[in-house]
PDB file of all heavy atoms in Angstrom:
ATOM      1  N   VAL A   1      98.608-111.792  95.450  1.00  0.00           N
ATOM      2  CA  VAL A   1      99.897-111.091  95.383  1.00  0.00           C
ATOM      3  C   VAL A   1      99.808-109.859  94.496  1.00  0.00           C
ATOM      4  O   VAL A   1     100.234-108.760  94.886  1.00  0.00           O
ATOM      5  CB  VAL A   1     101.004-112.036  94.888  1.00  0.00           C
ATOM      6  CG1 VAL A   1     102.300-111.253  94.624  1.00  0.00           C
ATOM      7  CG2 VAL A   1     101.265-113.139  95.899  1.00  0.00           C
ATOM      8  N   MET A   2      99.239-110.034  93.288  1.00  0.00           N
ATOM      9  CA  MET A   2      99.164-108.900  92.365  1.00  0.00           C
ATOM     10  C   MET A   2      98.224-107.826  92.888  1.00  0.00           C
ATOM     11  O   MET A   2      98.481-106.626  92.735  1.00  0.00           O
ATOM     12  CB  MET A   2      98.709-109.383  90.987  1.00  0.00           C
ATOM     13  CG  MET A   2      99.683-110.347  90.312  1.00  0.00           C
ATOM     14  SD  MET A   2     101.367-109.679  90.117  1.00  0.00           S
ATOM     15  CE  MET A   2     101.069-108.333  88.965  1.00  0.00           C
ATOM     16  N   GLY A   3      97.123-108.240  93.517  1.00  0.00           N
ATOM     17  CA  GLY A   3      96.212-107.255  94.103  1.00  0.00           C
ATOM     18  C   GLY A   3      96.865-106.481  95.232  1.00  0.00           C
ATOM     19  O   GLY A   3      96.690-105.264  95.359  1.00  0.00           O
ATOM     20  N   TRP A   4      97.644-107.188  96.056  1.00  0.00           N
ATOM     21  CA  TRP A   4      98.340-106.541  97.168  1.00  0.00           C
ATOM     22  C   TRP A   4      99.371-105.544  96.653  1.00  0.00           C
ATOM     23  O   TRP A   4      99.471-104.412  97.154  1.00  0.00           O
ATOM     24  CB  TRP A   4      99.020-107.602  98.030  1.00  0.00           C
ATOM     25  CG  TRP A   4      99.827-107.032  99.158  1.00  0.00           C
ATOM     26  CD1 TRP A   4      99.371-106.479 100.319  1.00  0.00           C
ATOM     27  CD2 TRP A   4     101.258-106.945  99.217  1.00  0.00           C
ATOM     28  NE1 TRP A   4     100.411-106.058 101.103  1.00  0.00           N
ATOM     29  CE2 TRP A   4     101.583-106.329 100.454  1.00  0.00           C
ATOM     30  CE3 TRP A   4     102.274-107.337  98.354  1.00  0.00           C
ATOM     31  CZ2 TRP A   4     102.906-106.087 100.828  1.00  0.00           C
ATOM     32  CZ3 TRP A   4     103.597-107.098  98.727  1.00  0.00           C
ATOM     33  CH2 TRP A   4     103.893-106.483  99.952  1.00  0.00           C
ATOM     34  N   LEU A   5     100.124-105.936  95.637  1.00  0.00           N
ATOM     35  CA  LEU A   5     101.128-105.041  95.071  1.00  0.00           C
ATOM     36  C   LEU A   5     100.475-103.824  94.417  1.00  0.00           C
ATOM     37  O   LEU A   5     100.987-102.707  94.513  1.00  0.00           O
ATOM     38  CB  LEU A   5     101.974-105.787  94.039  1.00  0.00           C
ATOM     39  CG  LEU A   5     102.959-106.822  94.596  1.00  0.00           C
ATOM     40  CD1 LEU A   5     103.603-107.609  93.469  1.00  0.00           C
ATOM     41  CD2 LEU A   5     104.020-106.152  95.454  1.00  0.00           C
ATOM     42  N   SER A   6      99.329-104.053  93.755  1.00  0.00           N
ATOM     43  CA  SER A   6      98.611-102.947  93.119  1.00  0.00           C
ATOM     44  C   SER A   6      98.130-101.933  94.148  1.00  0.00           C
ATOM     45  O   SER A   6      98.253-100.720  93.956  1.00  0.00           O
ATOM     46  CB  SER A   6      97.433-103.501  92.307  1.00  0.00           C
ATOM     47  OG  SER A   6      96.721-102.460  91.677  1.00  0.00           O
ATOM     48  N   ARG A   7      97.583-102.426  95.271  1.00  0.00           N
ATOM     49  CA  ARG A   7      97.128-101.512  96.331  1.00  0.00           C
ATOM     50  C   ARG A   7      98.294-100.823  97.016  1.00  0.00           C
ATOM     51  O   ARG A   7      98.217 -99.642  97.373  1.00  0.00           O
ATOM     52  CB  ARG A   7      96.296-102.283  97.354  1.00  0.00           C
ATOM     53  CG  ARG A   7      94.942-102.750  96.849  1.00  0.00           C
ATOM     54  CD  ARG A   7      94.086-103.293  97.971  1.00  0.00           C
ATOM     55  NE  ARG A   7      94.675-104.476  98.574  1.00  0.00           N
ATOM     56  CZ  ARG A   7      94.472-105.711  98.156  1.00  0.00           C
ATOM     57  NH1 ARG A   7      93.696-105.928  97.106  1.00  0.00           N
ATOM     58  NH2 ARG A   7      95.025-106.733  98.765  1.00  0.00           N
ATOM     59  N   LEU A   8      99.387-101.545  97.183  1.00  0.00           N
ATOM     60  CA  LEU A   8     100.561-100.993  97.853  1.00  0.00           C
ATOM     61  C   LEU A   8     101.155 -99.835  97.072  1.00  0.00           C
ATOM     62  O   LEU A   8     101.691 -98.885  97.659  1.00  0.00           O
ATOM     63  CB  LEU A   8     101.614-102.096  98.039  1.00  0.00           C
ATOM     64  CG  LEU A   8     102.840-101.750  98.880  1.00  0.00           C
ATOM     65  CD1 LEU A   8     102.445-101.520 100.336  1.00  0.00           C
ATOM     66  CD2 LEU A   8     103.889-102.860  98.783  1.00  0.00           C
ATOM     67  N   THR A   9     101.058 -99.917  95.746  1.00  0.00           N
ATOM     68  CA  THR A   9     101.676 -98.893  94.891  1.00  0.00           C
ATOM     69  C   THR A   9     100.636 -97.944  94.305  1.00  0.00           C
ATOM     70  O   THR A   9     100.923 -97.229  93.335  1.00  0.00           O
ATOM     71  CB  THR A   9     102.464 -99.563  93.759  1.00  0.00           C
ATOM     72  OG1 THR A   9     101.585-100.444  93.034  1.00  0.00           O
ATOM     73  CG2 THR A   9     103.624-100.365  94.303  1.00  0.00           C
ATOM     74  N   ALA A  10      99.420 -97.946  94.856  1.00  0.00           N
ATOM     75  CA  ALA A  10      98.368 -97.064  94.350  1.00  0.00           C
ATOM     76  C   ALA A  10      98.804 -95.610  94.452  1.00  0.00           C
ATOM     77  O   ALA A  10      99.398 -95.183  95.449  1.00  0.00           O
ATOM     78  CB  ALA A  10      97.078 -97.278  95.142  1.00  0.00           C
ATOM     79  N   GLY A  11      98.528 -94.845  93.414  1.00  0.00           N
ATOM     80  CA  GLY A  11      98.870 -93.426  93.427  1.00  0.00           C
ATOM     81  C   GLY A  11     100.205 -93.107  92.798  1.00  0.00           C
ATOM     82  O   GLY A  11     100.585 -91.937  92.713  1.00  0.00           O
ATOM     83  N   ASN A  12     100.954 -94.109  92.363  1.00  0.00           N
ATOM     84  CA  ASN A  12     102.206 -93.842  91.653  1.00  0.00           C
ATOM     85  C   ASN A  12     102.239 -94.689  90.384  1.00  0.00           C
ATOM     86  O   ASN A  12     101.406 -95.585  90.196  1.00  0.00           O
ATOM     87  CB  ASN A  12     103.419 -94.120  92.558  1.00  0.00           C
ATOM     88  CG  ASN A  12     103.519 -95.580  92.968  1.00  0.00           C
ATOM     89  OD1 ASN A  12     103.611 -96.459  92.125  1.00  0.00           O
ATOM     90  ND2 ASN A  12     103.489 -95.845  94.277  1.00  0.00           N
ATOM     91  N   PRO A  13     103.170 -94.421  89.470  1.00  0.00           N
ATOM     92  CA  PRO A  13     103.197 -95.132  88.179  1.00  0.00           C
ATOM     93  C   PRO A  13     103.254 -96.642  88.308  1.00  0.00           C
ATOM     94  O   PRO A  13     102.733 -97.363  87.453  1.00  0.00           O
ATOM     95  CB  PRO A  13     104.465 -94.589  87.510  1.00  0.00           C
ATOM     96  CG  PRO A  13     104.656 -93.242  88.122  1.00  0.00           C
ATOM     97  CD  PRO A  13     104.199 -93.378  89.536  1.00  0.00           C
ATOM     98  N   PHE A  14     103.888 -97.141  89.374  1.00  0.00           N
ATOM     99  CA  PHE A  14     103.974 -98.593  89.536  1.00  0.00           C
ATOM    100  C   PHE A  14     102.612 -99.210  89.810  1.00  0.00           C
ATOM    101  O   PHE A  14     102.385-100.386  89.533  1.00  0.00           O
ATOM    102  CB  PHE A  14     104.949 -98.932  90.667  1.00  0.00           C
ATOM    103  CG  PHE A  14     106.381 -98.645  90.326  1.00  0.00           C
ATOM    104  CD1 PHE A  14     107.027 -97.543  90.870  1.00  0.00           C
ATOM    105  CD2 PHE A  14     107.074 -99.458  89.450  1.00  0.00           C
ATOM    106  CE1 PHE A  14     108.345 -97.272  90.553  1.00  0.00           C
ATOM    107  CE2 PHE A  14     108.394 -99.193  89.121  1.00  0.00           C
ATOM    108  CZ  PHE A  14     109.031 -98.102  89.683  1.00  0.00           C
ATOM    109  N   GLY A  15     101.695 -98.415  90.370  1.00  0.00           N
ATOM    110  CA  GLY A  15     100.362 -98.923  90.639  1.00  0.00           C
ATOM    111  C   GLY A  15      99.671 -99.355  89.355  1.00  0.00           C
ATOM    112  O   GLY A  15      99.037-100.411  89.306  1.00  0.00           O
ATOM    113  N   PHE A  16      99.793 -98.541  88.323  1.00  0.00           N
ATOM    114  CA  PHE A  16      99.193 -98.897  87.028  1.00  0.00           C
ATOM    115  C   PHE A  16      99.828-100.162  86.460  1.00  0.00           C
ATOM    116  O   PHE A  16      99.139-101.043  85.945  1.00  0.00           O
ATOM    117  CB  PHE A  16      99.365 -97.745  86.041  1.00  0.00           C
ATOM    118  CG  PHE A  16      98.986 -98.106  84.626  1.00  0.00           C
ATOM    119  CD1 PHE A  16      97.648 -98.179  84.261  1.00  0.00           C
ATOM    120  CD2 PHE A  16      99.963 -98.385  83.678  1.00  0.00           C
ATOM    121  CE1 PHE A  16      97.292 -98.528  82.957  1.00  0.00           C
ATOM    122  CE2 PHE A  16      99.614 -98.734  82.388  1.00  0.00           C
ATOM    123  CZ  PHE A  16      98.269 -98.800  82.022  1.00  0.00           C
ATOM    124  N   LEU A  17     101.146-100.271  86.566  1.00  0.00           N
ATOM    125  CA  LEU A  17     101.852-101.428  86.033  1.00  0.00           C
ATOM    126  C   LEU A  17     101.443-102.709  86.742  1.00  0.00           C
ATOM    127  O   LEU A  17     101.227-103.744  86.115  1.00  0.00           O
ATOM    128  CB  LEU A  17     103.363-101.216  86.145  1.00  0.00           C
ATOM    129  CG  LEU A  17     103.961-100.117  85.265  1.00  0.00           C
ATOM    130  CD1 LEU A  17     105.450 -99.959  85.538  1.00  0.00           C
ATOM    131  CD2 LEU A  17     103.719-100.421  83.789  1.00  0.00           C
ATOM    132  N   PHE A  18     101.338-102.628  88.076  1.00  0.00           N
ATOM    133  CA  PHE A  18     100.926-103.814  88.821  1.00  0.00           C
ATOM    134  C   PHE A  18      99.462-104.145  88.555  1.00  0.00           C
ATOM    135  O   PHE A  18      99.079-105.321  88.537  1.00  0.00           O
ATOM    136  CB  PHE A  18     101.180-103.631  90.316  1.00  0.00           C
ATOM    137  CG  PHE A  18     102.608-103.836  90.717  1.00  0.00           C
ATOM    138  CD1 PHE A  18     103.325-102.816  91.329  1.00  0.00           C
ATOM    139  CD2 PHE A  18     103.244-105.051  90.482  1.00  0.00           C
ATOM    140  CE1 PHE A  18     104.653-103.007  91.699  1.00  0.00           C
ATOM    141  CE2 PHE A  18     104.566-105.242  90.849  1.00  0.00           C
ATOM    142  CZ  PHE A  18     105.279-104.220  91.467  1.00  0.00           C
ATOM    143  N   GLY A  19      98.637-103.115  88.348  1.00  0.00           N
ATOM    144  CA  GLY A  19      97.245-103.359  87.993  1.00  0.00           C
ATOM    145  C   GLY A  19      97.139-104.064  86.647  1.00  0.00           C
ATOM    146  O   GLY A  19      96.360-104.999  86.482  1.00  0.00           O
ATOM    147  N   LEU A  20      97.958-103.613  85.700  1.00  0.00           N
ATOM    148  CA  LEU A  20      97.999-104.248  84.381  1.00  0.00           C
ATOM    149  C   LEU A  20      98.510-105.683  84.502  1.00  0.00           C
ATOM    150  O   LEU A  20      97.985-106.604  83.864  1.00  0.00           O
ATOM    151  CB  LEU A  20      98.894-103.447  83.446  1.00  0.00           C
ATOM    152  CG  LEU A  20      99.039-103.956  82.011  1.00  0.00           C
ATOM    153  CD1 LEU A  20      97.676-103.960  81.319  1.00  0.00           C
ATOM    154  CD2 LEU A  20     100.039-103.095  81.233  1.00  0.00           C
ATOM    155  N   GLY A  21      99.515-105.846  85.353  1.00  0.00           N
ATOM    156  CA  GLY A  21     100.057-107.186  85.581  1.00  0.00           C
ATOM    157  C   GLY A  21      99.019-108.117  86.175  1.00  0.00           C
ATOM    158  O   GLY A  21      98.933-109.292  85.791  1.00  0.00           O
ATOM    159  N   ALA A  22      98.223-107.593  87.109  1.00  0.00           N
ATOM    160  CA  ALA A  22      97.171-108.401  87.728  1.00  0.00           C
ATOM    161  C   ALA A  22      96.155-108.842  86.683  1.00  0.00           C
ATOM    162  O   ALA A  22      95.688-109.982  86.694  1.00  0.00           O
ATOM    163  CB  ALA A  22      96.491-107.610  88.836  1.00  0.00           C
ATOM    164  N   PHE A  23      95.821-107.933  85.768  1.00  0.00           N
ATOM    165  CA  PHE A  23      94.871-108.259  84.697  1.00  0.00           C
ATOM    166  C   PHE A  23      95.412-109.380  83.809  1.00  0.00           C
ATOM    167  O   PHE A  23      94.701-110.334  83.481  1.00  0.00           O
ATOM    168  CB  PHE A  23      94.593-107.009  83.864  1.00  0.00           C
ATOM    169  CG  PHE A  23      93.751-107.250  82.649  1.00  0.00           C
ATOM    170  CD1 PHE A  23      92.379-107.447  82.761  1.00  0.00           C
ATOM    171  CD2 PHE A  23      94.328-107.287  81.383  1.00  0.00           C
ATOM    172  CE1 PHE A  23      91.598-107.673  81.636  1.00  0.00           C
ATOM    173  CE2 PHE A  23      93.557-107.514  80.255  1.00  0.00           C
ATOM    174  CZ  PHE A  23      92.186-107.706  80.380  1.00  0.00           C
ATOM    175  N   VAL A  24      96.679-109.271  83.431  1.00  0.00           N
ATOM    176  CA  VAL A  24      97.294-110.271  82.552  1.00  0.00           C
ATOM    177  C   VAL A  24      97.388-111.628  83.257  1.00  0.00           C
ATOM    178  O   VAL A  24      97.020-112.663  82.691  1.00  0.00           O
ATOM    179  CB  VAL A  24      98.686-109.807  82.084  1.00  0.00           C
ATOM    180  CG1 VAL A  24      99.402-110.925  81.324  1.00  0.00           C
ATOM    181  CG2 VAL A  24      98.574-108.564  81.214  1.00  0.00           C
ATOM    182  N   VAL A  25      97.872-111.621  84.500  1.00  0.00           N
ATOM    183  CA  VAL A  25      98.050-112.877  85.232  1.00  0.00           C
ATOM    184  C   VAL A  25      96.711-113.555  85.500  1.00  0.00           C
ATOM    185  O   VAL A  25      96.559-114.775  85.334  1.00  0.00           O
ATOM    186  CB  VAL A  25      98.808-112.630  86.559  1.00  0.00           C
ATOM    187  CG1 VAL A  25      98.803-113.882  87.426  1.00  0.00           C
ATOM    188  CG2 VAL A  25     100.239-112.192  86.266  1.00  0.00           C
ATOM    189  N   THR A  26      95.717-112.770  85.912  1.00  0.00           N
ATOM    190  CA  THR A  26      94.391-113.331  86.179  1.00  0.00           C
ATOM    191  C   THR A  26      93.814-113.966  84.926  1.00  0.00           C
ATOM    192  O   THR A  26      93.275-115.078  84.961  1.00  0.00           O
ATOM    193  CB  THR A  26      93.439-112.242  86.699  1.00  0.00           C
ATOM    194  OG1 THR A  26      93.958-111.706  87.913  1.00  0.00           O
ATOM    195  CG2 THR A  26      92.052-112.810  86.948  1.00  0.00           C
ATOM    196  N   ASN A  27      93.954-113.269  83.798  1.00  0.00           N
ATOM    197  CA  ASN A  27      93.416-113.807  82.550  1.00  0.00           C
ATOM    198  C   ASN A  27      94.219-114.986  82.041  1.00  0.00           C
ATOM    199  O   ASN A  27      93.671-115.843  81.329  1.00  0.00           O
ATOM    200  CB  ASN A  27      93.331-112.708  81.489  1.00  0.00           C
ATOM    201  CG  ASN A  27      92.069-111.884  81.617  1.00  0.00           C
ATOM    202  OD1 ASN A  27      91.003-112.289  81.169  1.00  0.00           O
ATOM    203  ND2 ASN A  27      92.196-110.730  82.258  1.00  0.00           N
ATOM    204  N   LEU A  28      95.489-115.053  82.393  1.00  0.00           N
ATOM    205  CA  LEU A  28      96.274-116.229  82.034  1.00  0.00           C
ATOM    206  C   LEU A  28      95.719-117.469  82.737  1.00  0.00           C
ATOM    207  O   LEU A  28      95.577-118.536  82.123  1.00  0.00           O
ATOM    208  CB  LEU A  28      97.744-116.021  82.410  1.00  0.00           C
ATOM    209  CG  LEU A  28      98.678-117.214  82.169  1.00  0.00           C
ATOM    210  CD1 LEU A  28      98.689-117.594  80.690  1.00  0.00           C
ATOM    211  CD2 LEU A  28     100.085-116.903  82.661  1.00  0.00           C
ATOM    212  N   VAL A  29      95.396-117.319  84.013  1.00  0.00           N
ATOM    213  CA  VAL A  29      94.807-118.431  84.765  1.00  0.00           C
ATOM    214  C   VAL A  29      93.460-118.805  84.158  1.00  0.00           C
ATOM    215  O   VAL A  29      93.153-119.993  83.953  1.00  0.00           O
ATOM    216  CB  VAL A  29      94.651-118.067  86.254  1.00  0.00           C
ATOM    217  CG1 VAL A  29      93.883-119.159  87.002  1.00  0.00           C
ATOM    218  CG2 VAL A  29      96.009-117.849  86.896  1.00  0.00           C
ATOM    219  N   TRP A  30      92.630-117.791  83.847  1.00  0.00           N
ATOM    220  CA  TRP A  30      91.329-118.070  83.232  1.00  0.00           C
ATOM    221  C   TRP A  30      91.490-118.768  81.890  1.00  0.00           C
ATOM    222  O   TRP A  30      90.765-119.709  81.585  1.00  0.00           O
ATOM    223  CB  TRP A  30      90.556-116.763  83.049  1.00  0.00           C
ATOM    224  CG  TRP A  30      90.111-116.135  84.330  1.00  0.00           C
ATOM    225  CD1 TRP A  30      90.138-116.701  85.576  1.00  0.00           C
ATOM    226  CD2 TRP A  30      89.592-114.819  84.504  1.00  0.00           C
ATOM    227  NE1 TRP A  30      89.671-115.821  86.507  1.00  0.00           N
ATOM    228  CE2 TRP A  30      89.329-114.656  85.892  1.00  0.00           C
ATOM    229  CE3 TRP A  30      89.328-113.766  83.646  1.00  0.00           C
ATOM    230  CZ2 TRP A  30      88.798-113.490  86.406  1.00  0.00           C
ATOM    231  CZ3 TRP A  30      88.801-112.599  84.156  1.00  0.00           C
ATOM    232  CH2 TRP A  30      88.535-112.458  85.523  1.00  0.00           C
ATOM    233  N   PHE A  31      92.451-118.309  81.091  1.00  0.00           N
ATOM    234  CA  PHE A  31      92.708-118.886  79.774  1.00  0.00           C
ATOM    235  C   PHE A  31      93.035-120.374  79.898  1.00  0.00           C
ATOM    236  O   PHE A  31      92.494-121.216  79.171  1.00  0.00           O
ATOM    237  CB  PHE A  31      93.867-118.136  79.120  1.00  0.00           C
ATOM    238  CG  PHE A  31      94.353-118.728  77.827  1.00  0.00           C
ATOM    239  CD1 PHE A  31      93.642-118.555  76.647  1.00  0.00           C
ATOM    240  CD2 PHE A  31      95.539-119.437  77.787  1.00  0.00           C
ATOM    241  CE1 PHE A  31      94.102-119.097  75.457  1.00  0.00           C
ATOM    242  CE2 PHE A  31      96.011-119.979  76.600  1.00  0.00           C
ATOM    243  CZ  PHE A  31      95.292-119.812  75.426  1.00  0.00           C
ATOM    244  N   ILE A  32      93.912-120.697  80.836  1.00  0.00           N
ATOM    245  CA  ILE A  32      94.321-122.092  81.026  1.00  0.00           C
ATOM    246  C   ILE A  32      93.153-122.934  81.517  1.00  0.00           C
ATOM    247  O   ILE A  32      92.933-124.065  81.050  1.00  0.00           O
ATOM    248  CB  ILE A  32      95.507-122.174  82.003  1.00  0.00           C
ATOM    249  CG1 ILE A  32      96.759-121.555  81.353  1.00  0.00           C
ATOM    250  CG2 ILE A  32      95.781-123.617  82.408  1.00  0.00           C
ATOM    251  CD1 ILE A  32      97.948-121.441  82.283  1.00  0.00           C
ATOM    252  N   MET A  33      92.352-122.397  82.437  1.00  0.00           N
ATOM    253  CA  MET A  33      91.240-123.167  82.978  1.00  0.00           C
ATOM    254  C   MET A  33      90.124-123.343  81.942  1.00  0.00           C
ATOM    255  O   MET A  33      89.450-124.389  81.922  1.00  0.00           O
ATOM    256  CB  MET A  33      90.720-122.530  84.264  1.00  0.00           C
ATOM    257  CG  MET A  33      91.738-122.550  85.383  1.00  0.00           C
ATOM    258  SD  MET A  33      91.109-122.042  87.002  1.00  0.00           S
ATOM    259  CE  MET A  33      90.351-123.549  87.571  1.00  0.00           C
ATOM    260  N   VAL A  34      89.925-122.356  81.090  1.00  0.00           N
ATOM    261  CA  VAL A  34      88.968-122.523  79.987  1.00  0.00           C
ATOM    262  C   VAL A  34      89.440-123.628  79.063  1.00  0.00           C
ATOM    263  O   VAL A  34      88.661-124.493  78.641  1.00  0.00           O
ATOM    264  CB  VAL A  34      88.790-121.200  79.211  1.00  0.00           C
ATOM    265  CG1 VAL A  34      88.079-121.439  77.881  1.00  0.00           C
ATOM    266  CG2 VAL A  34      87.996-120.194  80.035  1.00  0.00           C
ATOM    267  N   ARG A  35      90.731-123.618  78.753  1.00  0.00           N
ATOM    268  CA  ARG A  35      91.275-124.653  77.871  1.00  0.00           C
ATOM    269  C   ARG A  35      91.138-126.038  78.515  1.00  0.00           C
ATOM    270  O   ARG A  35      90.784-127.011  77.839  1.00  0.00           O
ATOM    271  CB  ARG A  35      92.739-124.354  77.566  1.00  0.00           C
ATOM    272  CG  ARG A  35      93.373-125.339  76.599  1.00  0.00           C
ATOM    273  CD  ARG A  35      94.693-124.827  76.078  1.00  0.00           C
ATOM    274  NE  ARG A  35      95.382-125.858  75.316  1.00  0.00           N
ATOM    275  CZ  ARG A  35      96.561-125.680  74.717  1.00  0.00           C
ATOM    276  NH1 ARG A  35      97.162-124.500  74.786  1.00  0.00           N
ATOM    277  NH2 ARG A  35      97.124-126.648  74.042  1.00  0.00           N
ATOM    278  N   MET A  36      91.394-126.133  79.803  1.00  0.00           N
ATOM    279  CA  MET A  36      91.258-127.409  80.501  1.00  0.00           C
ATOM    280  C   MET A  36      89.811-127.887  80.519  1.00  0.00           C
ATOM    281  O   MET A  36      89.529-129.079  80.344  1.00  0.00           O
ATOM    282  CB  MET A  36      91.807-127.286  81.927  1.00  0.00           C
ATOM    283  CG  MET A  36      93.328-127.163  81.989  1.00  0.00           C
ATOM    284  SD  MET A  36      93.957-126.672  83.632  1.00  0.00           S
ATOM    285  CE  MET A  36      93.416-128.055  84.639  1.00  0.00           C
ATOM    286  N   SER A  37      88.876-126.970  80.722  1.00  0.00           N
ATOM    287  CA  SER A  37      87.466-127.356  80.747  1.00  0.00           C
ATOM    288  C   SER A  37      87.014-127.826  79.367  1.00  0.00           C
ATOM    289  O   SER A  37      86.226-128.780  79.256  1.00  0.00           O
ATOM    290  CB  SER A  37      86.596-126.195  81.241  1.00  0.00           C
ATOM    291  OG  SER A  37      86.578-125.133  80.314  1.00  0.00           O
ATOM    292  N   LEU A  38      87.515-127.188  78.316  1.00  0.00           N
ATOM    293  CA  LEU A  38      87.175-127.625  76.964  1.00  0.00           C
ATOM    294  C   LEU A  38      87.792-128.983  76.655  1.00  0.00           C
ATOM    295  O   LEU A  38      87.166-129.825  75.994  1.00  0.00           O
ATOM    296  CB  LEU A  38      87.639-126.583  75.942  1.00  0.00           C
ATOM    297  CG  LEU A  38      86.811-125.290  75.907  1.00  0.00           C
ATOM    298  CD1 LEU A  38      87.470-124.259  75.002  1.00  0.00           C
ATOM    299  CD2 LEU A  38      85.384-125.571  75.441  1.00  0.00           C
ATOM    300  N   ASP A  39      89.006-129.207  77.142  1.00  0.00           N
ATOM    301  CA  ASP A  39      89.612-130.534  76.985  1.00  0.00           C
ATOM    302  C   ASP A  39      88.739-131.601  77.647  1.00  0.00           C
ATOM    303  O   ASP A  39      88.533-132.684  77.098  1.00  0.00           O
ATOM    304  CB  ASP A  39      91.016-130.558  77.595  1.00  0.00           C
ATOM    305  CG  ASP A  39      92.055-129.869  76.724  1.00  0.00           C
ATOM    306  OD1 ASP A  39      91.772-129.626  75.535  1.00  0.00           O
ATOM    307  OD2 ASP A  39      93.158-129.569  77.233  1.00  0.00           O
ATOM    308  N   ALA A  40      88.216-131.277  78.825  1.00  0.00           N
ATOM    309  CA  ALA A  40      87.382-132.239  79.556  1.00  0.00           C
ATOM    310  C   ALA A  40      86.117-132.577  78.782  1.00  0.00           C
ATOM    311  O   ALA A  40      85.782-133.757  78.600  1.00  0.00           O
ATOM    312  CB  ALA A  40      87.039-131.692  80.941  1.00  0.00           C
ATOM    313  N   VAL A  41      85.400-131.551  78.314  1.00  0.00           N
ATOM    314  CA  VAL A  41      84.128-131.824  77.624  1.00  0.00           C
ATOM    315  C   VAL A  41      84.351-132.434  76.248  1.00  0.00           C
ATOM    316  O   VAL A  41      83.452-133.070  75.685  1.00  0.00           O
ATOM    317  CB  VAL A  41      83.258-130.544  77.514  1.00  0.00           C
ATOM    318  CG1 VAL A  41      82.874-130.043  78.893  1.00  0.00           C
ATOM    319  CG2 VAL A  41      83.946-129.457  76.700  1.00  0.00           C
ATOM    320  N   HIS A  42      85.555-132.260  75.681  1.00  0.00           N
ATOM    321  CA  HIS A  42      85.877-132.871  74.383  1.00  0.00           C
ATOM    322  C   HIS A  42      86.452-134.272  74.542  1.00  0.00           C
ATOM    323  O   HIS A  42      86.767-134.931  73.545  1.00  0.00           O
ATOM    324  CB  HIS A  42      86.871-132.000  73.624  1.00  0.00           C
ATOM    325  CG  HIS A  42      86.283-130.713  73.145  1.00  0.00           C
ATOM    326  ND1 HIS A  42      87.051-129.597  72.821  1.00  0.00           N
ATOM    327  CD2 HIS A  42      84.995-130.337  72.930  1.00  0.00           C
ATOM    328  CE1 HIS A  42      86.260-128.606  72.443  1.00  0.00           C
ATOM    329  NE2 HIS A  42      85.013-129.036  72.495  1.00  0.00           N
ATOM    330  N   GLY A  43      86.623-134.707  75.802  1.00  0.00           N
ATOM    331  CA  GLY A  43      87.120-136.047  76.038  1.00  0.00           C
ATOM    332  C   GLY A  43      88.628-136.187  75.930  1.00  0.00           C
ATOM    333  O   GLY A  43      89.141-137.304  75.805  1.00  0.00           O
ATOM    334  N   LYS A  44      89.346-135.086  76.012  1.00  0.00           N
ATOM    335  CA  LYS A  44      90.802-135.121  75.954  1.00  0.00           C
ATOM    336  C   LYS A  44      91.380-135.217  77.370  1.00  0.00           C
ATOM    337  O   LYS A  44      90.735-134.799  78.327  1.00  0.00           O
ATOM    338  CB  LYS A  44      91.340-133.862  75.268  1.00  0.00           C
ATOM    339  CG  LYS A  44      90.876-133.689  73.823  1.00  0.00           C
ATOM    340  CD  LYS A  44      91.410-132.393  73.244  1.00  0.00           C
ATOM    341  CE  LYS A  44      90.928-132.189  71.809  1.00  0.00           C
ATOM    342  NZ  LYS A  44      91.416-130.895  71.256  1.00  0.00           N
TER     343      LYS A  44
END
C-alpha cells in the first residue's frame, strides 16, 4: 500500500511524505519482528 501510494504521488510533495511513511511503517514491522524473534530465542 505504501509503495503504491509513493509511486502514485511521485513528483509532488506528497510523494516524499508517502515515501517517508513507507520507511517508518516498514521499519515498524521489522522492529516488532526483531522483538518477537528475540523473545523466541530468550524463551519468552
